[in-house]
């Protein structure tokens, strides 16, 4: 069973946070930064990025909105985004199902909020 967890992009401050708790009924999200300082924000001002339950070739957790680098069997490099589409996570370039067989060969190189220039 995969862990249910999130990262959150603060749409006002333009910062990425680790989500440590959500109170849906009060619209509150509790966040931790790299220094382990916990803060609270209004959920509607954040963009949640769910954990896919999958890992890249280095063991890095893959979240929706992450940008990954794939190299096909011919050595051609593809840089693409992980998206939720029709009830499953897909690799945007090919709309291919993002599963362990594909993602164990990829590498997370950023996310669409902090590194959007990587996929343009």
N, C-alpha and C. Protein backbone atom coordinates (compact mmCIF):
# COMPACT_ATOMS: atom_id res chain seq x y z
N UNK A 1 0.84 -1.17 0.00
CA UNK A 1 0.00 0.00 0.00
C UNK A 1 0.89 1.24 0.00
N UNK A 2 0.56 2.21 -0.84
CA UNK A 2 1.39 3.41 -0.92
C UNK A 2 1.02 4.42 0.14
N UNK A 3 1.99 5.23 0.50
CA UNK A 3 1.77 6.30 1.46
C UNK A 3 0.97 7.42 0.80
N UNK A 4 0.05 7.99 1.55
CA UNK A 4 -0.69 9.15 1.06
C UNK A 4 -0.04 10.37 1.68
N UNK A 5 0.63 11.14 0.84
CA UNK A 5 1.28 12.35 1.32
C UNK A 5 1.36 13.35 0.18
N UNK A 6 1.65 14.59 0.58
CA UNK A 6 1.64 15.69 -0.38
C UNK A 6 2.83 16.61 -0.17
N UNK A 7 3.17 17.31 -1.24
CA UNK A 7 3.97 18.52 -1.19
C UNK A 7 2.99 19.64 -1.53
N UNK A 8 3.35 20.87 -1.22
CA UNK A 8 2.46 21.98 -1.56
C UNK A 8 3.27 23.16 -2.08
N UNK A 9 2.78 23.74 -3.16
CA UNK A 9 3.36 24.94 -3.73
C UNK A 9 2.56 26.12 -3.21
N UNK A 10 3.23 27.05 -2.55
CA UNK A 10 2.59 28.25 -2.04
C UNK A 10 2.47 29.22 -3.21
N UNK A 11 1.25 29.46 -3.67
CA UNK A 11 1.03 30.28 -4.85
C UNK A 11 1.28 31.77 -4.60
N UNK A 12 1.32 32.18 -3.33
CA UNK A 12 1.59 33.58 -2.99
C UNK A 12 3.09 33.81 -2.80
N UNK A 13 3.71 33.01 -1.93
CA UNK A 13 5.13 33.18 -1.60
C UNK A 13 6.06 32.50 -2.60
N UNK A 14 5.51 31.65 -3.48
CA UNK A 14 6.29 30.93 -4.49
C UNK A 14 7.37 30.04 -3.85
N UNK A 15 6.91 29.20 -2.89
CA UNK A 15 7.81 28.28 -2.19
C UNK A 15 7.20 26.89 -2.14
N UNK A 16 8.05 25.86 -2.15
CA UNK A 16 7.62 24.48 -2.02
C UNK A 16 7.74 24.06 -0.56
N UNK A 17 6.73 23.34 -0.07
CA UNK A 17 6.67 22.89 1.32
C UNK A 17 6.32 21.41 1.38
N UNK A 18 6.69 20.78 2.48
CA UNK A 18 6.23 19.43 2.79
C UNK A 18 4.97 19.56 3.64
N UNK A 19 3.92 18.86 3.26
CA UNK A 19 2.66 18.92 4.00
C UNK A 19 2.74 17.92 5.15
N UNK A 20 2.46 18.40 6.37
CA UNK A 20 2.46 17.52 7.54
C UNK A 20 1.05 17.30 8.07
N UNK A 21 0.09 18.07 7.59
CA UNK A 21 -1.29 17.88 8.01
C UNK A 21 -2.23 18.78 7.23
N UNK A 22 -3.47 18.31 7.09
CA UNK A 22 -4.49 19.09 6.40
C UNK A 22 -5.77 19.01 7.23
N UNK A 23 -6.38 20.15 7.48
CA UNK A 23 -7.70 20.21 8.10
C UNK A 23 -8.66 20.73 7.04
N UNK A 24 -9.33 19.81 6.37
CA UNK A 24 -10.19 20.16 5.24
C UNK A 24 -11.32 21.07 5.68
N UNK A 25 -11.89 20.82 6.85
CA UNK A 25 -13.06 21.59 7.30
C UNK A 25 -12.73 23.04 7.68
N UNK A 26 -11.46 23.33 7.95
CA UNK A 26 -11.06 24.71 8.26
C UNK A 26 -10.23 25.34 7.15
N UNK A 27 -10.02 24.61 6.06
CA UNK A 27 -9.23 25.11 4.93
C UNK A 27 -7.80 25.45 5.36
N UNK A 28 -7.23 24.60 6.24
CA UNK A 28 -5.90 24.86 6.78
C UNK A 28 -4.95 23.73 6.39
N UNK A 29 -3.75 24.09 5.97
CA UNK A 29 -2.71 23.11 5.69
C UNK A 29 -1.51 23.45 6.56
N UNK A 30 -0.93 22.40 7.15
CA UNK A 30 0.26 22.56 8.01
C UNK A 30 1.47 22.12 7.21
N UNK A 31 2.49 22.98 7.20
CA UNK A 31 3.63 22.81 6.32
C UNK A 31 4.93 22.80 7.10
N UNK A 32 5.91 22.06 6.56
CA UNK A 32 7.25 22.02 7.14
C UNK A 32 8.25 22.38 6.05
N UNK A 33 9.20 23.22 6.39
CA UNK A 33 10.25 23.56 5.43
C UNK A 33 11.50 22.73 5.72
N UNK A 34 12.58 23.04 5.03
CA UNK A 34 13.83 22.28 5.18
C UNK A 34 14.43 22.38 6.58
N UNK A 35 14.08 23.43 7.31
CA UNK A 35 14.60 23.59 8.66
C UNK A 35 13.67 22.96 9.70
N UNK A 36 12.64 22.28 9.24
CA UNK A 36 11.64 21.59 10.07
C UNK A 36 10.75 22.55 10.84
N UNK A 37 10.69 23.80 10.43
CA UNK A 37 9.80 24.78 11.03
C UNK A 37 8.39 24.53 10.47
N UNK A 38 7.40 24.40 11.34
CA UNK A 38 6.03 24.14 10.91
C UNK A 38 5.24 25.44 10.89
N UNK A 39 4.53 25.65 9.79
CA UNK A 39 3.69 26.83 9.64
C UNK A 39 2.33 26.39 9.13
N UNK A 40 1.36 27.26 9.24
CA UNK A 40 0.06 26.95 8.67
C UNK A 40 -0.32 28.00 7.63
N UNK A 41 -1.04 27.54 6.61
CA UNK A 41 -1.50 28.41 5.53
C UNK A 41 -2.94 28.04 5.20
N UNK A 42 -3.58 28.91 4.47
CA UNK A 42 -4.92 28.62 3.96
C UNK A 42 -4.76 27.67 2.77
N UNK A 43 -5.47 26.58 2.79
CA UNK A 43 -5.34 25.55 1.77
C UNK A 43 -5.64 26.09 0.37
N UNK A 44 -6.60 26.98 0.26
CA UNK A 44 -6.98 27.49 -1.07
C UNK A 44 -5.88 28.35 -1.70
N UNK A 45 -4.85 28.72 -0.93
CA UNK A 45 -3.73 29.48 -1.48
C UNK A 45 -2.55 28.57 -1.84
N UNK A 46 -2.75 27.27 -1.72
CA UNK A 46 -1.69 26.29 -1.99
C UNK A 46 -2.12 25.39 -3.14
N UNK A 47 -1.14 24.86 -3.85
CA UNK A 47 -1.40 23.84 -4.86
C UNK A 47 -0.81 22.54 -4.33
N UNK A 48 -1.68 21.55 -4.06
CA UNK A 48 -1.21 20.27 -3.55
C UNK A 48 -0.67 19.41 -4.67
N UNK A 49 0.44 18.74 -4.39
CA UNK A 49 1.07 17.82 -5.33
C UNK A 49 1.12 16.45 -4.66
N UNK A 50 0.22 15.52 -5.03
CA UNK A 50 0.21 14.22 -4.37
C UNK A 50 1.40 13.34 -4.76
N UNK A 51 1.85 12.53 -3.80
CA UNK A 51 2.88 11.52 -4.04
C UNK A 51 2.28 10.43 -4.90
N UNK A 52 2.97 10.02 -5.94
CA UNK A 52 2.45 9.00 -6.86
C UNK A 52 2.58 7.58 -6.31
N UNK A 53 3.41 7.42 -5.29
CA UNK A 53 3.70 6.08 -4.79
C UNK A 53 4.87 5.44 -5.53
N UNK A 54 5.48 6.18 -6.45
CA UNK A 54 6.57 5.66 -7.27
C UNK A 54 7.86 6.42 -6.99
N UNK A 55 8.97 5.81 -7.38
CA UNK A 55 10.30 6.37 -7.14
C UNK A 55 11.10 6.36 -8.43
N UNK A 56 12.03 7.31 -8.56
CA UNK A 56 12.90 7.31 -9.74
C UNK A 56 14.08 6.37 -9.53
N UNK A 57 15.01 6.36 -10.47
CA UNK A 57 16.13 5.42 -10.41
C UNK A 57 17.05 5.66 -9.22
N UNK A 58 16.99 6.86 -8.62
CA UNK A 58 17.82 7.18 -7.46
C UNK A 58 17.08 7.01 -6.13
N UNK A 59 15.84 6.52 -6.20
CA UNK A 59 15.05 6.35 -4.99
C UNK A 59 14.32 7.61 -4.55
N UNK A 60 14.31 8.64 -5.38
CA UNK A 60 13.61 9.89 -5.08
C UNK A 60 12.11 9.71 -5.30
N UNK A 61 11.31 10.18 -4.33
CA UNK A 61 9.86 10.11 -4.47
C UNK A 61 9.42 10.95 -5.66
N UNK A 62 8.43 10.46 -6.41
CA UNK A 62 7.90 11.18 -7.56
C UNK A 62 6.52 11.70 -7.20
N UNK A 63 6.34 13.01 -7.36
CA UNK A 63 5.07 13.67 -7.08
C UNK A 63 4.45 14.15 -8.39
N UNK A 64 3.13 14.29 -8.39
CA UNK A 64 2.46 14.89 -9.54
C UNK A 64 3.07 16.27 -9.76
N UNK A 65 3.36 16.61 -11.00
CA UNK A 65 3.98 17.89 -11.32
C UNK A 65 5.49 17.85 -11.36
N UNK A 66 6.08 16.71 -10.99
CA UNK A 66 7.54 16.59 -11.11
C UNK A 66 7.93 16.51 -12.58
N UNK A 67 9.13 16.99 -12.85
CA UNK A 67 9.70 16.90 -14.19
C UNK A 67 10.76 15.80 -14.14
N UNK A 68 10.64 14.86 -15.07
CA UNK A 68 11.58 13.74 -15.09
C UNK A 68 12.32 13.69 -16.42
N UNK A 69 13.52 13.11 -16.35
CA UNK A 69 14.33 12.89 -17.55
C UNK A 69 14.34 11.40 -17.82
N UNK A 70 13.96 11.02 -19.03
CA UNK A 70 13.98 9.63 -19.47
C UNK A 70 14.93 9.51 -20.65
N UNK A 71 15.61 8.39 -20.72
CA UNK A 71 16.47 8.11 -21.88
C UNK A 71 15.96 6.80 -22.48
N UNK A 72 15.57 6.85 -23.76
CA UNK A 72 15.04 5.62 -24.37
C UNK A 72 16.17 4.68 -24.79
N UNK A 73 15.81 3.55 -25.33
CA UNK A 73 16.81 2.53 -25.67
C UNK A 73 17.80 2.99 -26.74
N UNK A 74 17.44 4.03 -27.51
CA UNK A 74 18.34 4.58 -28.52
C UNK A 74 19.21 5.71 -27.98
N UNK A 75 19.09 5.98 -26.68
CA UNK A 75 19.88 7.04 -26.07
C UNK A 75 19.30 8.43 -26.23
N UNK A 76 18.07 8.52 -26.74
CA UNK A 76 17.43 9.83 -26.92
C UNK A 76 16.80 10.26 -25.60
N UNK A 77 17.12 11.47 -25.18
CA UNK A 77 16.66 11.99 -23.90
C UNK A 77 15.32 12.70 -24.06
N UNK A 78 14.40 12.43 -23.15
CA UNK A 78 13.10 13.09 -23.10
C UNK A 78 12.94 13.71 -21.72
N UNK A 79 12.50 14.95 -21.69
CA UNK A 79 12.21 15.61 -20.42
C UNK A 79 10.73 15.93 -20.42
N UNK A 80 10.02 15.46 -19.40
CA UNK A 80 8.58 15.54 -19.40
C UNK A 80 8.02 15.65 -17.99
N UNK A 81 6.74 15.92 -17.91
CA UNK A 81 6.05 16.11 -16.63
C UNK A 81 5.20 14.89 -16.27
N UNK A 82 5.11 14.61 -14.98
CA UNK A 82 4.20 13.57 -14.48
C UNK A 82 2.85 14.22 -14.22
N UNK A 83 1.78 13.69 -14.83
CA UNK A 83 0.44 14.26 -14.70
C UNK A 83 -0.57 13.18 -14.32
N UNK A 84 -1.69 13.63 -13.76
CA UNK A 84 -2.84 12.78 -13.49
C UNK A 84 -3.77 12.92 -14.67
N UNK A 85 -4.12 11.81 -15.32
CA UNK A 85 -4.95 11.85 -16.52
C UNK A 85 -5.82 10.60 -16.57
N UNK A 86 -7.12 10.79 -16.65
CA UNK A 86 -8.08 9.68 -16.75
C UNK A 86 -7.87 8.61 -15.68
N UNK A 87 -7.68 9.05 -14.44
CA UNK A 87 -7.60 8.12 -13.32
C UNK A 87 -6.26 7.43 -13.10
N UNK A 88 -5.20 7.96 -13.71
CA UNK A 88 -3.88 7.37 -13.50
C UNK A 88 -2.79 8.40 -13.77
N UNK A 89 -1.61 8.13 -13.26
CA UNK A 89 -0.46 9.00 -13.52
C UNK A 89 0.13 8.62 -14.87
N UNK A 90 0.45 9.64 -15.65
CA UNK A 90 1.01 9.41 -16.98
C UNK A 90 2.27 10.25 -17.16
N UNK A 91 3.09 9.80 -18.08
CA UNK A 91 4.26 10.55 -18.51
C UNK A 91 3.78 11.37 -19.69
N UNK A 92 3.75 12.67 -19.55
CA UNK A 92 3.09 13.57 -20.47
C UNK A 92 3.52 13.42 -21.92
N UNK A 93 4.79 13.22 -22.19
CA UNK A 93 5.27 13.17 -23.57
C UNK A 93 4.53 12.13 -24.40
N UNK A 94 4.29 10.97 -23.83
CA UNK A 94 3.65 9.89 -24.58
C UNK A 94 2.30 9.52 -24.03
N UNK A 95 1.83 10.21 -22.97
CA UNK A 95 0.61 9.83 -22.26
C UNK A 95 0.70 8.35 -21.87
N UNK A 96 1.89 7.92 -21.56
CA UNK A 96 2.17 6.55 -21.16
C UNK A 96 1.89 6.39 -19.67
N UNK A 97 1.33 5.28 -19.31
CA UNK A 97 1.08 4.99 -17.91
C UNK A 97 2.39 5.05 -17.14
N UNK A 98 2.43 5.86 -16.11
CA UNK A 98 3.64 6.01 -15.30
C UNK A 98 3.68 4.89 -14.27
N UNK A 99 4.38 3.83 -14.60
CA UNK A 99 4.46 2.71 -13.67
C UNK A 99 5.92 2.43 -13.31
N UNK A 100 6.11 1.49 -12.44
CA UNK A 100 7.43 1.18 -11.94
C UNK A 100 8.38 0.75 -13.06
N UNK A 101 7.88 0.06 -14.09
CA UNK A 101 8.74 -0.41 -15.17
C UNK A 101 9.39 0.74 -15.93
N UNK A 102 8.67 1.84 -16.09
CA UNK A 102 9.20 2.99 -16.81
C UNK A 102 9.99 3.90 -15.86
N UNK A 103 9.42 4.17 -14.69
CA UNK A 103 10.00 5.19 -13.82
C UNK A 103 11.27 4.75 -13.12
N UNK A 104 11.54 3.46 -13.04
CA UNK A 104 12.80 3.06 -12.41
C UNK A 104 14.00 3.42 -13.29
N UNK A 105 13.72 3.88 -14.51
CA UNK A 105 14.78 4.30 -15.42
C UNK A 105 14.86 5.82 -15.56
N UNK A 106 13.94 6.54 -14.92
CA UNK A 106 13.92 8.00 -15.06
C UNK A 106 14.59 8.66 -13.87
N UNK A 107 14.75 9.98 -13.97
CA UNK A 107 15.35 10.75 -12.89
C UNK A 107 14.56 12.04 -12.70
N UNK A 108 14.14 12.33 -11.47
CA UNK A 108 13.46 13.60 -11.16
C UNK A 108 14.51 14.71 -11.25
N UNK A 109 14.20 15.74 -12.07
CA UNK A 109 15.15 16.84 -12.24
C UNK A 109 14.54 18.19 -11.82
N UNK A 110 13.29 18.19 -11.38
CA UNK A 110 12.66 19.43 -10.95
C UNK A 110 11.16 19.26 -10.86
N UNK A 111 10.46 20.39 -10.82
CA UNK A 111 8.99 20.37 -10.84
C UNK A 111 8.49 21.56 -11.63
N UNK A 112 7.22 21.52 -12.00
CA UNK A 112 6.67 22.52 -12.92
C UNK A 112 6.58 23.92 -12.33
N UNK A 113 6.66 24.04 -11.01
CA UNK A 113 6.55 25.35 -10.37
C UNK A 113 7.90 26.05 -10.22
N UNK A 114 8.92 25.31 -9.89
CA UNK A 114 10.24 25.89 -9.67
C UNK A 114 11.16 25.78 -10.88
N UNK A 115 10.85 24.88 -11.80
CA UNK A 115 11.75 24.61 -12.93
C UNK A 115 11.00 24.48 -14.25
N UNK A 116 9.99 25.29 -14.47
CA UNK A 116 9.16 25.15 -15.68
C UNK A 116 9.96 25.31 -16.97
N UNK A 117 11.10 26.00 -16.90
CA UNK A 117 11.92 26.19 -18.10
C UNK A 117 12.48 24.89 -18.64
N UNK A 118 12.51 23.85 -17.82
CA UNK A 118 13.06 22.56 -18.27
C UNK A 118 12.20 21.88 -19.32
N UNK A 119 10.91 22.18 -19.36
CA UNK A 119 10.02 21.51 -20.33
C UNK A 119 9.51 22.43 -21.42
N UNK A 120 10.11 23.57 -21.58
CA UNK A 120 9.65 24.51 -22.63
C UNK A 120 10.47 24.38 -23.87
